[in-house]
């Protein structure tokens, strides 16, 4: 599958751009800007990435429920609502919309990064562009890759307990302890393997993937931050 527009953006430049846009959005109190950011994030995922509409819907269902709960809370317990005989006044409505749409906007921005970024390229960009030491960067990558293994081990331990007709109760201390012990053992094996292969951060080495900052990456950052600044002024 060919990489899309968002996938071609340097991961470090992408995450810095999203963080700067998030900070700028936090300095405003406009729910219209939050809604505009959410719509832009959804359109970017649908048009400029390989993300499917069904995946977005599944991801946003719990987020929408959370935003709805925050909206109701803002309507019921806002400052203006406490001073007014009715909770449905303009000030409380604006406060509730601001809180709920901000949650949706931040989730949308996070999904733009999460669904369009390869974890290996992100780690490599941290080493090449952020100058993080390889032993820390590769350690993070190894830990992320151990998560599916821990999940599979958790399922196997629980299956073994059920096969022996042992009850784990509400707090499965036995399976949890076994999974953690195996996780520690795997982490030690990975650490020794990395050290034996020279992933200790000392000396120069070559990289399988080398990330670079191109003109398109700079244009992406300038465009996103510029649009956010324009939205802060206009909305």
Protein backbone atom coordinates (compact mmCIF):
# COMPACT_ATOMS: atom_id res chain seq x y z
CA UNK A 1 0.00 0.00 0.00
CA UNK A 2 1.41 3.36 -1.03
CA UNK A 3 2.03 5.88 1.75
CA UNK A 4 -0.51 8.68 1.96
CA UNK A 5 0.08 12.40 2.36
CA UNK A 6 -0.05 12.30 6.15
CA UNK A 7 2.15 9.21 6.31
CA UNK A 8 4.87 10.96 4.29
CA UNK A 9 5.18 13.78 6.85
CA UNK A 10 8.19 13.46 9.14
CA UNK A 11 6.83 12.02 12.44
CA UNK A 12 8.81 14.40 14.65
CA UNK A 13 7.65 17.45 12.70
CA UNK A 14 4.12 16.07 12.80
CA UNK A 15 4.03 15.58 16.57
CA UNK A 16 5.61 18.99 17.23
CA UNK A 17 3.06 20.64 14.94
CA UNK A 18 0.17 18.91 16.70
CA UNK A 19 1.53 19.87 20.13
CA UNK A 20 1.91 23.52 19.11
CA UNK A 21 -1.62 23.57 17.67
CA UNK A 22 -2.94 21.97 20.84
CA UNK A 23 -1.25 24.60 23.01
CA UNK A 24 -2.62 27.40 20.83
CA UNK A 25 -6.11 25.93 21.02
CA UNK A 26 -5.85 25.74 24.81
CA UNK A 27 -5.28 29.51 24.93
CA UNK A 28 -8.66 30.22 23.33
CA UNK A 29 -12.22 29.92 24.60
CA UNK A 30 -14.07 29.44 21.33
CA UNK A 31 -16.09 26.29 20.79
CA UNK A 32 -16.32 27.21 17.12
CA UNK A 33 -12.55 26.84 16.80
CA UNK A 34 -12.72 23.47 18.57
CA UNK A 35 -15.40 22.30 16.16
CA UNK A 36 -13.40 23.54 13.17
CA UNK A 37 -10.31 21.64 14.38
CA UNK A 38 -12.37 18.47 14.83
CA UNK A 39 -13.83 18.70 11.33
CA UNK A 40 -10.40 19.40 9.84
CA UNK A 41 -8.91 16.39 11.66
CA UNK A 42 -11.68 14.07 10.48
CA UNK A 43 -11.39 15.29 6.88
CA UNK A 44 -7.62 14.86 6.98
CA UNK A 45 -7.98 11.28 8.21
CA UNK A 46 -10.60 10.40 5.62
CA UNK A 47 -9.01 12.14 2.63
CA UNK A 48 -5.27 12.11 3.34
CA UNK A 49 -4.76 8.76 5.07
CA UNK A 50 -5.76 5.12 4.81
CA UNK A 51 -8.12 5.39 7.78
CA UNK A 52 -11.60 3.98 7.16
CA UNK A 53 -14.85 5.57 8.22
CA UNK A 54 -15.83 2.49 10.23
CA UNK A 55 -12.63 2.75 12.30
CA UNK A 56 -13.31 6.41 13.05
CA UNK A 57 -16.87 5.65 14.12
CA UNK A 58 -15.75 2.87 16.48
CA UNK A 59 -13.09 5.08 18.01
CA UNK A 60 -15.32 8.12 18.45
CA UNK A 61 -18.30 6.34 20.03
CA UNK A 62 -16.87 6.33 23.60
CA UNK A 63 -15.39 9.80 23.07
CA UNK A 64 -18.78 11.18 22.01
CA UNK A 65 -20.36 9.65 25.10
CA UNK A 66 -17.72 11.31 27.27
CA UNK A 67 -18.18 14.64 25.51
CA UNK A 68 -21.94 14.34 25.96
CA UNK A 69 -21.51 13.75 29.68
CA UNK A 70 -19.24 16.79 29.94
CA UNK A 71 -21.78 18.84 27.98
CA UNK A 72 -24.61 17.91 30.35
CA UNK A 73 -22.36 18.63 33.34
CA UNK A 74 -21.43 22.04 31.94
CA UNK A 75 -25.08 22.87 31.34
CA UNK A 76 -26.15 21.79 34.80
CA UNK A 77 -23.29 22.97 37.00
CA UNK A 78 -21.81 25.93 35.16
CA UNK A 79 -21.27 29.24 36.90
CA UNK A 80 -24.05 30.97 35.03
CA UNK A 81 -26.41 28.03 35.58
CA UNK A 82 -25.93 28.25 39.33
CA UNK A 83 -26.84 31.94 39.26
CA UNK A 84 -29.80 31.51 36.94
CA UNK A 85 -33.23 30.02 37.46
CA UNK A 86 -32.86 28.05 34.22
CA UNK A 87 -29.84 26.03 33.14
CA UNK A 88 -30.54 26.66 29.46
CA UNK A 89 -29.08 30.16 29.14
CA UNK A 90 -26.53 31.40 26.63
CA UNK A 91 -23.53 31.49 28.98
CA UNK A 92 -23.98 27.95 30.27
CA UNK A 93 -24.53 26.71 26.70
CA UNK A 94 -21.26 28.29 25.56
CA UNK A 95 -19.39 26.81 28.52
CA UNK A 96 -20.78 23.33 27.90
CA UNK A 97 -20.01 23.51 24.16
CA UNK A 98 -16.47 24.71 24.89
CA UNK A 99 -15.71 21.81 27.24
CA UNK A 100 -17.29 19.07 25.13
CA UNK A 101 -15.94 20.19 21.75
CA UNK A 102 -12.45 20.64 23.18
CA UNK A 103 -12.39 16.97 24.17
CA UNK A 104 -13.43 15.98 20.66
CA UNK A 105 -10.88 18.33 19.08
CA UNK A 106 -7.97 16.98 21.12
CA UNK A 107 -8.96 13.40 20.38
CA UNK A 108 -9.19 14.23 16.67
CA UNK A 109 -5.72 15.77 16.69
CA UNK A 110 -4.31 12.78 18.52
CA UNK A 111 -5.89 10.39 16.05
CA UNK A 112 -4.30 12.28 13.15
CA UNK A 113 -0.92 11.39 14.58
CA UNK A 114 -1.73 7.89 15.85
CA UNK A 115 -3.44 6.62 12.70
CA UNK A 116 -0.99 8.07 10.19
CA UNK A 117 2.37 7.40 11.85
CA UNK A 118 4.47 4.25 11.80
CA UNK A 119 6.00 3.57 15.21
CA UNK A 120 9.39 2.60 13.77
CA UNK A 121 9.63 5.79 11.74
CA UNK A 122 8.59 7.81 14.79
CA UNK A 123 11.38 6.28 16.89
CA UNK A 124 13.88 6.89 14.11
CA UNK A 125 12.78 10.50 13.78
CA UNK A 126 13.29 10.97 17.52
CA UNK A 127 16.88 9.81 17.09
CA UNK A 128 17.64 11.75 13.90
CA UNK A 129 15.68 14.98 14.47
CA UNK A 130 15.31 15.15 18.29
CA UNK A 131 18.78 13.62 18.89
CA UNK A 132 17.56 11.15 21.50
CA UNK A 133 20.11 8.47 22.37
CA UNK A 134 19.52 5.19 20.52
CA UNK A 135 19.44 3.07 23.67
CA UNK A 136 16.45 5.05 24.99
CA UNK A 137 14.66 5.18 21.64
CA UNK A 138 15.12 1.48 20.91
CA UNK A 139 14.12 0.69 24.49
CA UNK A 140 10.80 2.44 23.97
CA UNK A 141 10.29 0.58 20.69
CA UNK A 142 11.05 -2.76 22.37
CA UNK A 143 8.61 -2.00 25.19
CA UNK A 144 5.85 -1.15 22.71
CA UNK A 145 6.46 -4.38 20.81
CA UNK A 146 6.23 -6.36 24.07
CA UNK A 147 2.64 -5.22 24.69
CA UNK A 148 1.03 -7.76 22.30
CA UNK A 149 3.20 -10.49 23.85
CA UNK A 150 2.03 -9.57 27.35
CA UNK A 151 -1.58 -9.57 26.18
CA UNK A 152 -1.18 -13.02 24.66
CA UNK A 153 0.50 -14.29 27.82
CA UNK A 154 -2.36 -12.90 29.92
CA UNK A 155 -4.88 -14.82 27.82
CA UNK A 156 -2.86 -18.04 28.03
CA UNK A 157 -2.46 -17.80 31.83
CA UNK A 158 -6.19 -17.21 32.29
CA UNK A 159 -6.93 -20.16 30.00
CA UNK A 160 -4.61 -22.35 32.08
CA UNK A 161 -6.41 -21.32 35.27
CA UNK A 162 -9.79 -22.16 33.76
CA UNK A 163 -8.49 -25.52 32.50
CA UNK A 164 -7.50 -26.40 36.07
CA UNK A 165 -10.84 -25.06 37.31
CA UNK A 166 -9.19 -22.44 39.51
CA UNK A 167 -11.14 -19.32 40.26
CA UNK A 168 -9.32 -16.04 39.94
CA UNK A 169 -11.99 -13.85 41.55
CA UNK A 170 -12.58 -10.18 40.93
CA UNK A 171 -8.87 -9.41 41.41
CA UNK A 172 -6.89 -12.06 39.47
CA UNK A 173 -3.69 -11.86 41.52
CA UNK A 174 -2.36 -15.23 40.31
CA UNK A 175 -2.58 -14.59 36.55
CA UNK A 176 -1.39 -11.02 37.04
CA UNK A 177 1.67 -12.16 39.00
CA UNK A 178 2.55 -14.81 36.40
CA UNK A 179 2.19 -12.32 33.55
CA UNK A 180 4.38 -9.74 35.29
CA UNK A 181 7.08 -12.33 36.06
CA UNK A 182 7.18 -13.44 32.41
CA UNK A 183 7.22 -9.80 31.31
CA UNK A 184 10.25 -9.08 33.50
CA UNK A 185 11.99 -12.16 32.11
CA UNK A 186 11.30 -11.09 28.53
CA UNK A 187 12.50 -7.54 29.22
CA UNK A 188 15.79 -8.88 30.59
CA UNK A 189 16.26 -11.08 27.53
CA UNK A 190 15.53 -8.14 25.22
CA UNK A 191 17.98 -5.93 27.15
CA UNK A 192 20.76 -8.52 26.87
CA UNK A 193 20.01 -9.04 23.18
CA UNK A 194 20.14 -5.30 22.50
CA UNK A 195 23.42 -4.95 24.38
CA UNK A 196 24.97 -7.89 22.53
CA UNK A 197 24.00 -6.32 19.19
CA UNK A 198 25.54 -2.98 20.11
CA UNK A 199 22.38 -1.02 20.97
CA UNK A 200 24.06 0.66 23.93
CA UNK A 201 24.33 4.17 22.48
CA UNK A 202 28.16 4.16 22.39
CA UNK A 203 29.96 4.57 19.11
CA UNK A 204 28.59 5.24 15.65
CA UNK A 205 26.30 2.82 13.85
CA UNK A 206 24.19 2.69 10.73
CA UNK A 207 20.40 2.81 10.66
CA UNK A 208 17.97 0.77 8.62
CA UNK A 209 15.62 3.76 8.39
CA UNK A 210 16.86 7.35 8.13
CA UNK A 211 14.27 10.10 8.44
CA UNK A 212 14.85 13.56 7.03
CA UNK A 213 13.05 16.88 7.17
CA UNK A 214 11.89 17.90 3.70
CA UNK A 215 10.30 21.05 2.36
CA UNK A 216 6.87 19.40 2.48
CA UNK A 217 7.26 18.81 6.21
CA UNK A 218 8.00 22.48 6.84
CA UNK A 219 5.05 23.49 4.66
CA UNK A 220 2.80 21.14 6.65
CA UNK A 221 3.90 22.69 9.95
CA UNK A 222 3.56 26.27 8.71
CA UNK A 223 0.15 25.58 7.16
CA UNK A 224 -1.30 23.91 10.26
CA UNK A 225 0.03 26.48 12.73
CA UNK A 226 -0.99 29.32 10.40
CA UNK A 227 -4.53 27.99 10.07
CA UNK A 228 -4.75 27.59 13.85
CA UNK A 229 -3.58 31.17 14.37
CA UNK A 230 -6.06 32.41 11.79
CA UNK A 231 -8.83 30.47 13.51
CA UNK A 232 -7.89 32.03 16.86
CA UNK A 233 -8.33 35.49 15.31
CA UNK A 234 -11.44 34.85 13.24
CA UNK A 235 -13.34 32.44 15.47
